[in-house]
Protein backbone atom coordinates (compact mmCIF):
# COMPACT_ATOMS: atom_id res chain seq x y z
CA UNK A 1 -3.98 122.49 170.46
CA UNK A 2 -5.12 124.87 167.77
CA UNK A 3 -7.46 123.28 165.26
CA UNK A 4 -5.54 124.62 162.28
CA UNK A 5 -2.62 123.34 160.25
CA UNK A 6 0.57 125.14 159.45
CA UNK A 7 0.85 126.73 156.05
CA UNK A 8 3.06 125.50 153.25
CA UNK A 9 6.59 126.83 153.45
CA UNK A 10 9.02 127.48 150.65
CA UNK A 11 9.12 125.44 147.45
CA UNK A 12 12.48 123.79 146.98
CA UNK A 13 14.68 124.01 143.93
CA UNK A 14 14.33 120.76 142.04
CA UNK A 15 17.69 120.32 140.33
CA UNK A 16 20.27 122.39 138.50
CA UNK A 17 19.35 120.85 135.15
CA UNK A 18 16.92 122.65 132.87
CA UNK A 19 15.84 119.31 131.44
CA UNK A 20 15.14 117.85 134.87
CA UNK A 21 13.28 120.94 136.01
CA UNK A 22 11.08 120.63 132.94
CA UNK A 23 10.53 116.93 133.64
CA UNK A 24 9.53 117.59 137.24
CA UNK A 25 7.18 120.39 136.20
CA UNK A 26 5.55 117.95 133.78
CA UNK A 27 5.20 115.34 136.53
CA UNK A 28 3.66 117.86 138.92
CA UNK A 29 1.13 118.93 136.29
CA UNK A 30 0.30 115.29 135.50
CA UNK A 31 -0.55 114.49 139.13
CA UNK A 32 -2.57 117.69 139.43
CA UNK A 33 -4.75 116.64 136.48
CA UNK A 34 -7.88 114.58 136.95
CA UNK A 35 -8.86 113.94 140.57
CA UNK A 36 -6.30 111.95 142.51
CA UNK A 37 -8.37 112.77 145.59
CA UNK A 38 -11.11 110.54 144.12
CA UNK A 39 -8.62 107.71 143.57
CA UNK A 40 -7.55 108.01 147.21
CA UNK A 41 -11.06 108.34 148.63
CA UNK A 42 -12.58 105.54 146.53
CA UNK A 43 -9.76 103.02 146.29
CA UNK A 44 -6.24 103.41 147.69
CA UNK A 45 -6.56 105.64 150.76
CA UNK A 46 -6.12 102.84 153.30
CA UNK A 47 -2.62 101.96 152.11
CA UNK A 48 -1.02 104.92 153.86
CA UNK A 49 -2.34 103.81 157.22
CA UNK A 50 -1.06 100.28 156.66
CA UNK A 51 2.45 101.66 156.18
CA UNK A 52 2.15 103.80 159.32
CA UNK A 53 1.03 100.73 161.29
CA UNK A 54 3.90 98.63 159.91
CA UNK A 55 6.39 101.24 161.10
CA UNK A 56 4.67 101.48 164.52
CA UNK A 57 5.00 105.25 164.69
CA UNK A 58 5.01 106.67 168.23
CA UNK A 59 3.94 110.00 169.72
CA UNK A 60 6.60 112.69 169.40
CA UNK A 61 8.57 111.00 166.63
CA UNK A 62 9.69 113.22 163.77
CA UNK A 63 8.12 111.76 160.63
CA UNK A 64 8.63 112.71 156.98
CA UNK A 65 6.09 111.58 154.37
CA UNK A 66 7.82 111.81 150.97
CA UNK A 67 5.65 112.18 147.86
CA UNK A 68 2.78 112.36 150.33
CA UNK A 69 0.06 113.22 147.83
CA UNK A 70 -3.08 114.07 149.78
CA UNK A 71 -1.60 112.79 153.05
CA UNK A 72 -2.81 109.20 153.26
CA UNK A 73 0.20 108.35 155.47
CA UNK A 74 0.78 111.80 156.95
CA UNK A 75 -2.69 112.06 158.48
CA UNK A 76 -2.69 108.69 160.30
CA UNK A 77 0.86 109.35 161.52
CA UNK A 78 -0.34 112.66 162.96
CA UNK A 79 -3.27 110.93 164.64
CA UNK A 80 -0.69 108.78 166.44
CA UNK A 81 0.83 111.94 167.93
CA UNK A 82 3.89 112.19 165.68
CA UNK A 83 5.44 115.48 164.52
CA UNK A 84 4.77 115.07 160.79
CA UNK A 85 6.02 116.85 157.69
CA UNK A 86 4.31 115.97 154.40
CA UNK A 87 6.08 116.83 151.14
CA UNK A 88 5.04 116.44 147.53
CA UNK A 89 6.05 117.77 144.12
CA UNK A 90 2.41 118.73 143.41
CA UNK A 91 1.07 121.52 145.64
CA UNK A 92 -2.52 120.88 144.53
CA UNK A 93 -2.40 117.47 146.23
CA UNK A 94 -1.02 118.96 149.43
CA UNK A 95 -3.88 121.47 149.39
CA UNK A 96 -6.35 118.58 149.55
CA UNK A 97 -4.49 117.03 152.46
CA UNK A 98 -4.24 120.35 154.26
CA UNK A 99 -8.00 120.83 154.06
CA UNK A 100 -8.62 117.30 155.37
CA UNK A 101 -6.24 117.89 158.27
CA UNK A 102 -7.92 121.19 159.12
CA UNK A 103 -11.32 119.50 159.15
CA UNK A 104 -10.01 117.05 161.78
CA UNK A 105 -8.10 119.65 163.76
CA UNK A 106 -4.77 117.96 163.01
CA UNK A 107 -1.54 119.94 163.00
CA UNK A 108 1.25 119.03 160.62
CA UNK A 109 3.61 120.70 158.18
CA UNK A 110 2.98 120.73 154.42
CA UNK A 111 5.80 121.57 152.04
CA UNK A 112 6.19 121.42 148.28
CA UNK A 113 9.43 119.53 147.61
CA UNK A 114 11.09 117.15 145.17
CA UNK A 115 11.68 113.61 146.45
CA UNK A 116 15.05 113.68 144.68
CA UNK A 117 16.20 116.88 146.40
CA UNK A 118 14.65 117.06 149.86
CA UNK A 119 15.15 120.42 151.64
CA UNK A 120 16.17 118.95 155.00
CA UNK A 121 19.46 118.41 156.80
CA UNK A 122 21.00 114.97 157.17
CA UNK A 123 19.37 112.85 159.87
CA UNK A 124 16.45 115.19 160.54
CA UNK A 125 13.71 112.55 160.92
CA UNK A 126 13.12 109.47 163.07
CA UNK A 127 10.88 107.92 160.41
CA UNK A 128 10.91 108.48 156.64
CA UNK A 129 8.13 106.86 154.63
CA UNK A 130 6.33 106.91 151.30
CA UNK A 131 3.16 105.08 150.21
CA UNK A 132 2.76 104.70 146.42
CA UNK A 133 4.58 108.01 146.06
CA UNK A 134 8.37 107.97 145.83
CA UNK A 135 8.10 105.08 143.36
CA UNK A 136 7.08 107.66 140.73
CA UNK A 137 10.22 109.77 141.11
CA UNK A 138 12.05 109.12 137.82
CA UNK A 139 15.56 108.60 139.21
CA UNK A 140 15.27 105.78 141.71
CA UNK A 141 18.75 105.87 143.18
CA UNK A 142 18.65 109.60 143.75
CA UNK A 143 15.28 109.31 145.50
CA UNK A 144 16.45 106.39 147.64
CA UNK A 145 19.60 108.29 148.60
CA UNK A 146 17.42 111.14 149.85
CA UNK A 147 15.23 108.82 151.93
CA UNK A 148 18.33 107.49 153.64
CA UNK A 149 20.08 110.85 153.99
CA UNK A 150 17.31 112.61 155.90
CA UNK A 151 16.67 109.63 158.21
CA UNK A 152 18.48 109.72 161.55
CA UNK A 153 20.88 106.87 162.40
CA UNK A 154 18.78 104.13 163.97
CA UNK A 155 15.64 105.59 162.42
CA UNK A 156 13.14 103.71 160.29
CA UNK A 157 12.39 103.84 156.56
CA UNK A 158 9.21 102.46 155.00
CA UNK A 159 8.09 102.31 151.38
CA UNK A 160 4.92 100.86 149.89
CA UNK A 161 4.83 100.41 146.10
CA UNK A 162 2.80 98.67 143.39
CA UNK A 163 4.50 95.52 142.08
CA UNK A 164 5.30 95.04 138.37
CA UNK A 165 3.28 91.81 138.23
CA UNK A 166 0.30 93.16 140.14
CA UNK A 167 -2.69 94.95 138.69
CA UNK A 168 -1.42 98.53 138.67
CA UNK A 169 1.98 97.38 137.44
CA UNK A 170 0.13 95.71 134.58
CA UNK A 171 -1.86 98.89 133.93
CA UNK A 172 1.44 100.68 133.33
CA UNK A 173 2.64 97.81 131.14
CA UNK A 174 -0.52 98.08 129.03
CA UNK A 175 -0.14 101.85 128.68
CA UNK A 176 3.59 101.78 127.88
CA UNK A 177 3.30 101.10 124.10
CA UNK A 178 0.88 104.01 123.78
CA UNK A 179 2.87 106.50 125.87
CA UNK A 180 5.72 108.79 124.83
CA UNK A 181 9.18 107.33 125.47
CA UNK A 182 10.50 107.94 128.99
CA UNK A 183 13.20 110.57 129.43
CA UNK A 184 16.83 109.40 129.51
CA UNK A 185 17.81 107.97 132.88
CA UNK A 186 14.26 107.44 134.12
CA UNK A 187 13.39 104.05 135.63
CA UNK A 188 9.99 102.33 135.56
CA UNK A 189 8.01 103.13 138.69
CA UNK A 190 6.89 99.53 139.46
CA UNK A 191 10.50 98.42 139.96
CA UNK A 192 10.06 99.75 143.52
CA UNK A 193 7.69 96.81 143.92
CA UNK A 194 10.58 94.33 143.71
CA UNK A 195 12.34 93.60 146.98
CA UNK A 196 15.73 93.04 145.33
CA UNK A 197 15.49 96.43 143.61
CA UNK A 198 14.70 98.24 146.86
CA UNK A 199 17.50 96.37 148.63
CA UNK A 200 19.96 97.42 145.93
CA UNK A 201 18.83 101.04 146.19
CA UNK A 202 19.20 101.22 149.96
CA UNK A 203 22.27 98.99 150.13
CA UNK A 204 24.30 98.55 153.29
CA UNK A 205 23.07 101.85 154.69
CA UNK A 206 20.13 99.98 156.24
CA UNK A 207 19.64 96.84 158.30
CA UNK A 208 16.62 94.71 159.23
CA UNK A 209 15.08 95.12 155.78
CA UNK A 210 11.77 93.26 155.66
CA UNK A 211 9.62 93.03 152.52
CA UNK A 212 6.10 91.66 152.27
CA UNK A 213 3.93 91.28 149.18
CA UNK A 214 0.31 91.98 150.03
CA UNK A 215 -2.89 92.80 148.17
CA UNK A 216 -5.44 95.56 148.35
CA UNK A 217 -8.92 94.17 147.72
CA UNK A 218 -10.88 96.54 145.50
CA UNK A 219 -14.64 96.17 145.00
CA UNK A 220 -15.22 99.57 143.39
CA UNK A 221 -15.71 98.38 139.78
CA UNK A 222 -18.36 96.21 138.14
CA UNK A 223 -16.35 95.54 134.97
CA UNK A 224 -13.28 96.57 133.01
CA UNK A 225 -15.05 99.40 131.23
CA UNK A 226 -16.03 101.04 134.51
CA UNK A 227 -12.43 100.72 135.71
CA UNK A 228 -11.09 102.23 132.48
CA UNK A 229 -13.46 105.19 132.62
CA UNK A 230 -12.56 105.81 136.28
CA UNK A 231 -8.87 105.94 135.39
CA UNK A 232 -9.46 108.11 132.31
CA UNK A 233 -11.35 110.60 134.46
CA UNK A 234 -9.26 110.66 137.63
CA UNK A 235 -5.75 109.20 137.35
CA UNK A 236 -3.06 111.57 136.12
CA UNK A 237 -0.76 109.03 134.40
CA UNK A 238 -3.68 107.59 132.43
CA UNK A 239 -4.90 111.04 131.47
CA UNK A 240 -1.40 111.90 130.24
CA UNK A 241 -1.32 108.90 127.89
CA UNK A 242 -4.73 109.71 126.46
CA UNK A 243 -3.69 113.33 125.91
CA UNK A 244 -0.65 112.07 124.00
CA UNK A 245 -2.95 109.97 121.78
CA UNK A 246 -5.61 112.65 121.32
CA UNK A 247 -4.99 113.05 117.58
CA UNK A 248 -5.02 109.30 116.85
CA UNK A 249 -8.55 107.88 117.33
CA UNK A 250 -7.49 104.38 116.31
CA UNK A 251 -4.87 104.18 119.04
CA UNK A 252 -7.28 105.67 121.57
CA UNK A 253 -9.75 102.92 120.71
CA UNK A 254 -7.02 100.28 121.02
CA UNK A 255 -5.97 101.52 124.44
CA UNK A 256 -9.62 101.67 125.49
CA UNK A 257 -9.98 98.00 124.58
CA UNK A 258 -6.72 96.95 126.25
CA UNK A 259 -7.48 98.66 129.57
CA UNK A 260 -11.02 97.29 129.69
CA UNK A 261 -9.73 93.80 128.91
CA UNK A 262 -7.12 94.04 131.67
CA UNK A 263 -9.75 95.13 134.16
CA UNK A 264 -12.01 92.23 133.21
CA UNK A 265 -9.16 89.72 133.55
CA UNK A 266 -8.35 90.86 137.09
CA UNK A 267 -11.97 91.13 138.23
CA UNK A 268 -13.25 88.02 139.99
CA UNK A 269 -16.71 87.94 141.60
CA UNK A 270 -16.80 91.73 141.77
CA UNK A 271 -13.37 92.05 143.43
CA UNK A 272 -9.89 92.93 142.19
CA UNK A 273 -6.68 92.21 144.10
CA UNK A 274 -4.09 94.96 143.61
CA UNK A 275 -0.68 93.67 144.67
CA UNK A 276 1.85 95.88 146.44
CA UNK A 277 5.17 95.49 148.24
CA UNK A 278 5.63 96.91 151.75
CA UNK A 279 9.27 97.37 152.79
CA UNK A 280 10.58 98.49 156.17
CA UNK A 281 14.22 98.93 157.20
CA UNK A 282 16.34 100.57 159.86
CA UNK A 283 18.97 103.20 159.08
CA UNK A 284 22.51 102.25 160.07
């Protein structure tokens, strides 16, 4: 096996709508800001492997990681011997994953693509998965339809998402009053963390749907202020809200206080529990 990875192929067209193309460009730029690599390396990187384990990926299976980010699911799936394609709207995140794969001598495909318009034929993959990724596509039904469409009959689908009631869901709830209004037709990302919502999105096109609420134990932060500053420095969605407030110091100060307070409320004995929902299903 060559100890290199394949290069990124063509970037897909996002949609035919000028408004949606602009929205997706904005999303891509948001996730490229800050350092999502730091968020993965310091806090959330293990979630991708948990999803791969839950799906019990086998050698030789064709696997698609949708909204793969830096490859936290794609890399462990490749280590299991699968034939993996990792896609994301933000090429800068794929570049990080590509470098990590090259350092390990792992071979997989990296492709810039929109989760709502995947550039693959129907039924191409044995396993289609997304860990805290596809939940941020603005049009949930369109994204879910694509997950199902590119999965082969009898194949497996897995999605891991933050819950609305859990810590990151509450971070978004705290930021919402300070953020610009969402575009028409966009749905809140944490809805993917509700089993009934995911079931309604996938519908009768899947069977054996199993959903488990679990928690990621995070001991990275000593207090709410440290958490807030970490997010302000590294996490694209938080950076975007602060940029929107840049000309209003009073609202910046209010958001500072609210985020620090939230962090303190969830921190117990130096540990936070970040709740997520892990869903697996089988394509009809």
